[in-house]
Amino acid sequence: MTGEGHKDWICGIDFHPAGSHLVTSGSDRALKLWDFMNSSIAHTFNDVHTAPIWKVKFHDTGDFVLSASGDGAMKLFDLNALKVR
């Protein structure tokens, strides 16, 4: 895989239901979507939480990712629109 990875610890990881992508989260407050087909980072969401992102989970459709952070918030990421809902 290529691209800039996390700047600190990786705290959460989940595989896309189709196996085409991987999502990671870290203590750097970043969420990264990795593309296995191109061996690269497809998108990075930076500073969407104010504390480390401990858990990430793909929705069964693969269109959304839910994150849980040490700031007490959960956020929903729309991967088609590339924005936080």
PDB file of N, CA and C in Angstrom:
ATOM      1  N   MET A   1       0.838  -1.172   0.000  1.00  0.00           N
ATOM      2  CA  MET A   1       0.000   0.000   0.000  1.00  0.00           C
ATOM      3  C   MET A   1       0.893   1.249   0.000  1.00  0.00           C
ATOM      4  N   THR A   2       0.470   2.247  -0.720  1.00  0.00           N
ATOM      5  CA  THR A   2       1.229   3.480  -0.778  1.00  0.00           C
ATOM      6  C   THR A   2       0.401   4.628  -0.210  1.00  0.00           C
ATOM      7  N   GLY A   3       1.048   5.737   0.002  1.00  0.00           N
ATOM      8  CA  GLY A   3       0.386   6.898   0.579  1.00  0.00           C
ATOM      9  C   GLY A   3       0.850   7.098   1.997  1.00  0.00           C
ATOM     10  N   GLU A   4       0.548   8.258   2.516  1.00  0.00           N
ATOM     11  CA  GLU A   4       0.970   8.566   3.879  1.00  0.00           C
ATOM     12  C   GLU A   4       0.010   7.916   4.855  1.00  0.00           C
ATOM     13  N   GLY A   5       0.563   7.085   5.718  1.00  0.00           N
ATOM     14  CA  GLY A   5      -0.249   6.409   6.726  1.00  0.00           C
ATOM     15  C   GLY A   5      -0.517   7.311   7.921  1.00  0.00           C
ATOM     16  N   HIS A   6      -0.934   6.699   8.989  1.00  0.00           N
ATOM     17  CA  HIS A   6      -1.222   7.451  10.210  1.00  0.00           C
ATOM     18  C   HIS A   6       0.063   7.985  10.822  1.00  0.00           C
ATOM     19  N   LYS A   7      -0.056   9.113  11.485  1.00  0.00           N
ATOM     20  CA  LYS A   7       1.104   9.747  12.110  1.00  0.00           C
ATOM     21  C   LYS A   7       1.365   9.227  13.520  1.00  0.00           C
ATOM     22  N   ASP A   8       0.473   8.387  14.011  1.00  0.00           N
ATOM     23  CA  ASP A   8       0.592   7.833  15.363  1.00  0.00           C
ATOM     24  C   ASP A   8      -0.063   6.453  15.351  1.00  0.00           C
ATOM     25  N   TRP A   9      -0.463   5.958  16.506  1.00  0.00           N
ATOM     26  CA  TRP A   9      -1.024   4.620  16.633  1.00  0.00           C
ATOM     27  C   TRP A   9      -2.288   4.423  15.808  1.00  0.00           C
ATOM     28  N   ILE A  10      -2.426   3.249  15.211  1.00  0.00           N
ATOM     29  CA  ILE A  10      -3.676   2.832  14.583  1.00  0.00           C
ATOM     30  C   ILE A  10      -4.509   2.183  15.681  1.00  0.00           C
ATOM     31  N   CYS A  11      -5.720   2.687  15.860  1.00  0.00           N
ATOM     32  CA  CYS A  11      -6.588   2.215  16.946  1.00  0.00           C
ATOM     33  C   CYS A  11      -7.739   1.345  16.461  1.00  0.00           C
ATOM     34  N   GLY A  12      -8.225   1.581  15.251  1.00  0.00           N
ATOM     35  CA  GLY A  12      -9.360   0.832  14.731  1.00  0.00           C
ATOM     36  C   GLY A  12      -9.123   0.414  13.297  1.00  0.00           C
ATOM     37  N   ILE A  13      -9.728  -0.710  12.928  1.00  0.00           N
ATOM     38  CA  ILE A  13      -9.576  -1.222  11.564  1.00  0.00           C
ATOM     39  C   ILE A  13     -10.809  -2.057  11.223  1.00  0.00           C
ATOM     40  N   ASP A  14     -11.271  -1.946   9.982  1.00  0.00           N
ATOM     41  CA  ASP A  14     -12.384  -2.776   9.524  1.00  0.00           C
ATOM     42  C   ASP A  14     -12.259  -2.964   8.012  1.00  0.00           C
ATOM     43  N   PHE A  15     -12.741  -4.114   7.538  1.00  0.00           N
ATOM     44  CA  PHE A  15     -12.710  -4.436   6.114  1.00  0.00           C
ATOM     45  C   PHE A  15     -14.067  -4.156   5.479  1.00  0.00           C
ATOM     46  N   HIS A  16     -14.033  -3.621   4.273  1.00  0.00           N
ATOM     47  CA  HIS A  16     -15.242  -3.384   3.481  1.00  0.00           C
ATOM     48  C   HIS A  16     -15.941  -4.728   3.252  1.00  0.00           C
ATOM     49  N   PRO A  17     -17.279  -4.746   3.269  1.00  0.00           N
ATOM     50  CA  PRO A  17     -17.992  -6.014   3.079  1.00  0.00           C
ATOM     51  C   PRO A  17     -17.604  -6.759   1.794  1.00  0.00           C
ATOM     52  N   ALA A  18     -17.249  -6.041   0.728  1.00  0.00           N
ATOM     53  CA  ALA A  18     -16.841  -6.683  -0.526  1.00  0.00           C
ATOM     54  C   ALA A  18     -15.351  -7.018  -0.553  1.00  0.00           C
ATOM     55  N   GLY A  19     -14.619  -6.577   0.467  1.00  0.00           N
ATOM     56  CA  GLY A  19     -13.189  -6.859   0.532  1.00  0.00           C
ATOM     57  C   GLY A  19     -12.332  -5.954  -0.316  1.00  0.00           C
ATOM     58  N   SER A  20     -12.904  -4.903  -0.894  1.00  0.00           N
ATOM     59  CA  SER A  20     -12.158  -4.020  -1.792  1.00  0.00           C
ATOM     60  C   SER A  20     -11.422  -2.894  -1.076  1.00  0.00           C
ATOM     61  N   HIS A  21     -11.848  -2.567   0.132  1.00  0.00           N
ATOM     62  CA  HIS A  21     -11.264  -1.462   0.893  1.00  0.00           C
ATOM     63  C   HIS A  21     -11.060  -1.852   2.352  1.00  0.00           C
ATOM     64  N   LEU A  22     -10.270  -1.036   3.005  1.00  0.00           N
ATOM     65  CA  LEU A  22      -9.993  -1.164   4.426  1.00  0.00           C
ATOM     66  C   LEU A  22     -10.120   0.230   5.005  1.00  0.00           C
ATOM     67  N   VAL A  23     -10.683   0.363   6.191  1.00  0.00           N
ATOM     68  CA  VAL A  23     -10.735   1.652   6.860  1.00  0.00           C
ATOM     69  C   VAL A  23      -9.944   1.539   8.155  1.00  0.00           C
ATOM     70  N   THR A  24      -9.135   2.572   8.432  1.00  0.00           N
ATOM     71  CA  THR A  24      -8.373   2.611   9.673  1.00  0.00           C
ATOM     72  C   THR A  24      -8.615   3.940  10.368  1.00  0.00           C
ATOM     73  N   SER A  25      -8.446   3.921  11.685  1.00  0.00           N
ATOM     74  CA  SER A  25      -8.547   5.145  12.475  1.00  0.00           C
ATOM     75  C   SER A  25      -7.388   5.160  13.453  1.00  0.00           C
ATOM     76  N   GLY A  26      -7.076   6.362  13.936  1.00  0.00           N
ATOM     77  CA  GLY A  26      -5.910   6.429  14.793  1.00  0.00           C
ATOM     78  C   GLY A  26      -5.958   7.478  15.878  1.00  0.00           C
ATOM     79  N   SER A  27      -4.901   7.441  16.678  1.00  0.00           N
ATOM     80  CA  SER A  27      -4.760   8.431  17.740  1.00  0.00           C
ATOM     81  C   SER A  27      -4.416   9.802  17.163  1.00  0.00           C
ATOM     82  N   ASP A  28      -4.135   9.865  15.864  1.00  0.00           N
ATOM     83  CA  ASP A  28      -3.883  11.141  15.186  1.00  0.00           C
ATOM     84  C   ASP A  28      -5.193  11.819  14.756  1.00  0.00           C
ATOM     85  N   ARG A  29      -6.337  11.223  15.160  1.00  0.00           N
ATOM     86  CA  ARG A  29      -7.684  11.750  14.878  1.00  0.00           C
ATOM     87  C   ARG A  29      -8.027  11.701  13.390  1.00  0.00           C
ATOM     88  N   ALA A  30      -7.372  10.815  12.654  1.00  0.00           N
ATOM     89  CA  ALA A  30      -7.629  10.663  11.222  1.00  0.00           C
ATOM     90  C   ALA A  30      -8.333   9.338  10.953  1.00  0.00           C
ATOM     91  N   LEU A  31      -9.156   9.346   9.918  1.00  0.00           N
ATOM     92  CA  LEU A  31      -9.799   8.144   9.411  1.00  0.00           C
ATOM     93  C   LEU A  31      -9.344   8.007   7.964  1.00  0.00           C
ATOM     94  N   LYS A  32      -8.807   6.841   7.614  1.00  0.00           N
ATOM     95  CA  LYS A  32      -8.267   6.636   6.268  1.00  0.00           C
ATOM     96  C   LYS A  32      -8.969   5.463   5.596  1.00  0.00           C
ATOM     97  N   LEU A  33      -9.322   5.682   4.335  1.00  0.00           N
ATOM     98  CA  LEU A  33      -9.930   4.656   3.507  1.00  0.00           C
ATOM     99  C   LEU A  33      -8.860   4.170   2.532  1.00  0.00           C
ATOM    100  N   TRP A  34      -8.530   2.886   2.614  1.00  0.00           N
ATOM    101  CA  TRP A  34      -7.480   2.295   1.788  1.00  0.00           C
ATOM    102  C   TRP A  34      -8.112   1.485   0.665  1.00  0.00           C
ATOM    103  N   ASP A  35      -7.597   1.635  -0.537  1.00  0.00           N
ATOM    104  CA  ASP A  35      -8.088   0.946  -1.724  1.00  0.00           C
ATOM    105  C   ASP A  35      -7.133  -0.202  -2.059  1.00  0.00           C
ATOM    106  N   PHE A  36      -7.609  -1.444  -1.897  1.00  0.00           N
ATOM    107  CA  PHE A  36      -6.762  -2.606  -2.185  1.00  0.00           C
ATOM    108  C   PHE A  36      -6.461  -2.740  -3.671  1.00  0.00           C
ATOM    109  N   MET A  37      -7.417  -2.381  -4.528  1.00  0.00           N
ATOM    110  CA  MET A  37      -7.245  -2.544  -5.974  1.00  0.00           C
ATOM    111  C   MET A  37      -6.101  -1.680  -6.507  1.00  0.00           C
ATOM    112  N   ASN A  38      -5.954  -0.468  -5.981  1.00  0.00           N
ATOM    113  CA  ASN A  38      -4.900   0.447  -6.421  1.00  0.00           C
ATOM    114  C   ASN A  38      -3.730   0.530  -5.452  1.00  0.00           C
ATOM    115  N   SER A  39      -3.809  -0.227  -4.367  1.00  0.00           N
ATOM    116  CA  SER A  39      -2.758  -0.221  -3.337  1.00  0.00           C
ATOM    117  C   SER A  39      -2.413   1.192  -2.876  1.00  0.00           C
ATOM    118  N   SER A  40      -3.447   1.960  -2.538  1.00  0.00           N
ATOM    119  CA  SER A  40      -3.223   3.348  -2.133  1.00  0.00           C
ATOM    120  C   SER A  40      -4.320   3.816  -1.187  1.00  0.00           C
ATOM    121  N   ILE A  41      -4.124   5.007  -0.643  1.00  0.00           N
ATOM    122  CA  ILE A  41      -5.146   5.634   0.187  1.00  0.00           C
ATOM    123  C   ILE A  41      -6.148   6.300  -0.743  1.00  0.00           C
ATOM    124  N   ALA A  42      -7.420   5.924  -0.612  1.00  0.00           N
ATOM    125  CA  ALA A  42      -8.467   6.496  -1.450  1.00  0.00           C
ATOM    126  C   ALA A  42      -8.912   7.853  -0.914  1.00  0.00           C
ATOM    127  N   HIS A  43      -8.948   7.996   0.420  1.00  0.00           N
ATOM    128  CA  HIS A  43      -9.362   9.263   1.021  1.00  0.00           C
ATOM    129  C   HIS A  43      -8.945   9.299   2.488  1.00  0.00           C
ATOM    130  N   THR A  44      -8.664  10.510   2.967  1.00  0.00           N
ATOM    131  CA  THR A  44      -8.355  10.733   4.375  1.00  0.00           C
ATOM    132  C   THR A  44      -9.284  11.800   4.933  1.00  0.00           C
ATOM    133  N   PHE A  45      -9.897  11.506   6.063  1.00  0.00           N
ATOM    134  CA  PHE A  45     -10.686  12.484   6.818  1.00  0.00           C
ATOM    135  C   PHE A  45      -9.817  12.882   8.007  1.00  0.00           C
ATOM    136  N   ASN A  46      -9.414  14.143   8.083  1.00  0.00           N
ATOM    137  CA  ASN A  46      -8.554  14.626   9.163  1.00  0.00           C
ATOM    138  C   ASN A  46      -9.332  15.450  10.181  1.00  0.00           C
ATOM    139  N   ASP A  47      -8.955  15.308  11.447  1.00  0.00           N
ATOM    140  CA  ASP A  47      -9.463  16.146  12.544  1.00  0.00           C
ATOM    141  C   ASP A  47     -10.978  16.252  12.597  1.00  0.00           C
ATOM    142  N   VAL A  48     -11.675  15.152  12.365  1.00  0.00           N
ATOM    143  CA  VAL A  48     -13.131  15.164  12.470  1.00  0.00           C
ATOM    144  C   VAL A  48     -13.586  14.905  13.906  1.00  0.00           C
ATOM    145  N   HIS A  49     -12.670  14.436  14.734  1.00  0.00           N
ATOM    146  CA  HIS A  49     -12.903  14.258  16.164  1.00  0.00           C
ATOM    147  C   HIS A  49     -11.855  15.078  16.909  1.00  0.00           C
ATOM    148  N   THR A  50     -12.103  15.332  18.184  1.00  0.00           N
ATOM    149  CA  THR A  50     -11.143  16.091  18.992  1.00  0.00           C
ATOM    150  C   THR A  50     -10.293  15.194  19.887  1.00  0.00           C
ATOM    151  N   ALA A  51     -10.440  13.892  19.725  1.00  0.00           N
ATOM    152  CA  ALA A  51      -9.662  12.904  20.490  1.00  0.00           C
ATOM    153  C   ALA A  51      -9.415  11.701  19.566  1.00  0.00           C
ATOM    154  N   PRO A  52      -8.564  10.777  19.983  1.00  0.00           N
ATOM    155  CA  PRO A  52      -8.310   9.605  19.142  1.00  0.00           C
ATOM    156  C   PRO A  52      -9.604   8.887  18.741  1.00  0.00           C
ATOM    157  N   ILE A  53      -9.591   8.347  17.523  1.00  0.00           N
ATOM    158  CA  ILE A  53     -10.725   7.568  17.023  1.00  0.00           C
ATOM    159  C   ILE A  53     -10.424   6.105  17.349  1.00  0.00           C
ATOM    160  N   TRP A  54     -11.190   5.554  18.283  1.00  0.00           N
ATOM    161  CA  TRP A  54     -10.895   4.212  18.791  1.00  0.00           C
ATOM    162  C   TRP A  54     -11.481   3.089  17.942  1.00  0.00           C
ATOM    163  N   LYS A  55     -12.653   3.308  17.370  1.00  0.00           N
ATOM    164  CA  LYS A  55     -13.325   2.237  16.632  1.00  0.00           C
ATOM    165  C   LYS A  55     -13.870   2.763  15.300  1.00  0.00           C
ATOM    166  N   VAL A  56     -13.842   1.916  14.287  1.00  0.00           N
ATOM    167  CA  VAL A  56     -14.473   2.203  12.996  1.00  0.00           C
ATOM    168  C   VAL A  56     -15.181   0.941  12.530  1.00  0.00           C
ATOM    169  N   LYS A  57     -16.314   1.144  11.847  1.00  0.00           N
ATOM    170  CA  LYS A  57     -17.092   0.000  11.361  1.00  0.00           C
ATOM    171  C   LYS A  57     -17.800   0.366  10.069  1.00  0.00           C
ATOM    172  N   PHE A  58     -17.600  -0.438   9.025  1.00  0.00           N
ATOM    173  CA  PHE A  58     -18.329  -0.274   7.773  1.00  0.00           C
ATOM    174  C   PHE A  58     -19.786  -0.667   7.980  1.00  0.00           C
ATOM    175  N   HIS A  59     -20.700   0.063   7.340  1.00  0.00           N
ATOM    176  CA  HIS A  59     -22.094  -0.355   7.246  1.00  0.00           C
ATOM    177  C   HIS A  59     -22.132  -1.563   6.318  1.00  0.00           C
ATOM    178  N   ASP A  60     -23.154  -2.386   6.448  1.00  0.00           N
ATOM    179  CA  ASP A  60     -23.272  -3.595   5.622  1.00  0.00           C
ATOM    180  C   ASP A  60     -23.257  -3.312   4.125  1.00  0.00           C
ATOM    181  N   THR A  61     -23.719  -2.125   3.707  1.00  0.00           N
ATOM    182  CA  THR A  61     -23.703  -1.766   2.281  1.00  0.00           C
ATOM    183  C   THR A  61     -22.323  -1.327   1.806  1.00  0.00           C
ATOM    184  N   GLY A  62     -21.455  -0.942   2.758  1.00  0.00           N
ATOM    185  CA  GLY A  62     -20.132  -0.439   2.406  1.00  0.00           C
ATOM    186  C   GLY A  62     -20.120   1.026   2.031  1.00  0.00           C
ATOM    187  N   ASP A  63     -21.281   1.683   2.082  1.00  0.00           N
ATOM    188  CA  ASP A  63     -21.389   3.091   1.693  1.00  0.00           C
ATOM    189  C   ASP A  63     -21.086   4.058   2.837  1.00  0.00           C
ATOM    190  N   PHE A  64     -21.085   3.557   4.055  1.00  0.00           N
ATOM    191  CA  PHE A  64     -20.884   4.404   5.232  1.00  0.00           C
ATOM    192  C   PHE A  64     -19.913   3.752   6.199  1.00  0.00           C
ATOM    193  N   VAL A  65     -19.242   4.606   6.986  1.00  0.00           N
ATOM    194  CA  VAL A  65     -18.399   4.142   8.082  1.00  0.00           C
ATOM    195  C   VAL A  65     -18.824   4.902   9.327  1.00  0.00           C
ATOM    196  N   LEU A  66     -18.951   4.196  10.431  1.00  0.00           N
ATOM    197  CA  LEU A  66     -19.263   4.807  11.711  1.00  0.00           C
ATOM    198  C   LEU A  66     -18.001   4.811  12.559  1.00  0.00           C
ATOM    199  N   SER A  67     -17.728   5.945  13.210  1.00  0.00           N
ATOM    200  CA  SER A  67     -16.544   6.038  14.064  1.00  0.00           C
ATOM    201  C   SER A  67     -16.960   6.368  15.491  1.00  0.00           C
ATOM    202  N   ALA A  68     -16.162   5.925  16.448  1.00  0.00           N
ATOM    203  CA  ALA A  68     -16.355   6.239  17.864  1.00  0.00           C
ATOM    204  C   ALA A  68     -15.026   6.738  18.405  1.00  0.00           C
ATOM    205  N   SER A  69     -15.082   7.862  19.109  1.00  0.00           N
ATOM    206  CA  SER A  69     -13.867   8.532  19.536  1.00  0.00           C
ATOM    207  C   SER A  69     -13.828   8.730  21.048  1.00  0.00           C
ATOM    208  N   GLY A  70     -12.639   9.012  21.534  1.00  0.00           N
ATOM    209  CA  GLY A  70     -12.444   9.341  22.939  1.00  0.00           C
ATOM    210  C   GLY A  70     -13.089  10.653  23.335  1.00  0.00           C
ATOM    211  N   ASP A  71     -13.551  11.442  22.369  1.00  0.00           N
ATOM    212  CA  ASP A  71     -14.247  12.688  22.684  1.00  0.00           C
ATOM    213  C   ASP A  71     -15.719  12.442  23.024  1.00  0.00           C
ATOM    214  N   GLY A  72     -16.139  11.151  23.003  1.00  0.00           N
ATOM    215  CA  GLY A  72     -17.507  10.786  23.340  1.00  0.00           C
ATOM    216  C   GLY A  72     -18.472  10.854  22.172  1.00  0.00           C
ATOM    217  N   ALA A  73     -17.988  11.227  21.007  1.00  0.00           N
ATOM    218  CA  ALA A  73     -18.857  11.372  19.829  1.00  0.00           C
ATOM    219  C   ALA A  73     -18.740  10.166  18.908  1.00  0.00           C
ATOM    220  N   MET A  74     -19.844   9.912  18.215  1.00  0.00           N
ATOM    221  CA  MET A  74     -19.867   8.948  17.119  1.00  0.00           C
ATOM    222  C   MET A  74     -20.206   9.746  15.870  1.00  0.00           C
ATOM    223  N   LYS A  75     -19.540   9.431  14.751  1.00  0.00           N
ATOM    224  CA  LYS A  75     -19.789  10.160  13.508  1.00  0.00           C
ATOM    225  C   LYS A  75     -19.990   9.176  12.373  1.00  0.00           C
ATOM    226  N   LEU A  76     -20.837   9.595  11.429  1.00  0.00           N
ATOM    227  CA  LEU A  76     -21.149   8.777  10.271  1.00  0.00           C
ATOM    228  C   LEU A  76     -20.506   9.402   9.040  1.00  0.00           C
ATOM    229  N   PHE A  77     -19.693   8.628   8.348  1.00  0.00           N
ATOM    230  CA  PHE A  77     -18.985   9.084   7.155  1.00  0.00           C
ATOM    231  C   PHE A  77     -19.678   8.520   5.927  1.00  0.00           C
ATOM    232  N   ASP A  78     -20.080   9.399   5.018  1.00  0.00           N
ATOM    233  CA  ASP A  78     -20.692   9.013   3.756  1.00  0.00           C
ATOM    234  C   ASP A  78     -19.547   8.867   2.747  1.00  0.00           C
ATOM    235  N   LEU A  79     -19.256   7.649   2.350  1.00  0.00           N
ATOM    236  CA  LEU A  79     -18.114   7.404   1.470  1.00  0.00           C
ATOM    237  C   LEU A  79     -18.391   7.754   0.023  1.00  0.00           C
ATOM    238  N   ASN A  80     -19.655   7.842  -0.362  1.00  0.00           N
ATOM    239  CA  ASN A  80     -19.989   8.265  -1.729  1.00  0.00           C
ATOM    240  C   ASN A  80     -19.822   9.772  -1.889  1.00  0.00           C
ATOM    241  N   ALA A  81     -20.254  10.535  -0.898  1.00  0.00           N
ATOM    242  CA  ALA A  81     -20.147  11.995  -0.939  1.00  0.00           C
ATOM    243  C   ALA A  81     -18.835  12.488  -0.320  1.00  0.00           C
ATOM    244  N   LEU A  82     -18.092  11.600   0.328  1.00  0.00           N
ATOM    245  CA  LEU A  82     -16.847  11.931   1.024  1.00  0.00           C
ATOM    246  C   LEU A  82     -17.036  13.077   2.015  1.00  0.00           C
ATOM    247  N   LYS A  83     -18.048  12.926   2.871  1.00  0.00           N
ATOM    248  CA  LYS A  83     -18.259  13.922   3.918  1.00  0.00           C
ATOM    249  C   LYS A  83     -18.847  13.271   5.152  1.00  0.00           C
ATOM    250  N   VAL A  84     -18.759  13.996   6.254  1.00  0.00           N
ATOM    251  CA  VAL A  84     -19.309  13.537   7.522  1.00  0.00           C
ATOM    252  C   VAL A  84     -20.762  13.973   7.595  1.00  0.00           C
ATOM    253  N   ARG A  85     -21.626  13.069   7.959  1.00  0.00           N
ATOM    254  CA  ARG A  85     -23.074  13.395   8.066  1.00  0.00           C
ATOM    255  C   ARG A  85     -23.401  13.886   9.444  1.00  0.00           C
TER     256      ARG A  85
END
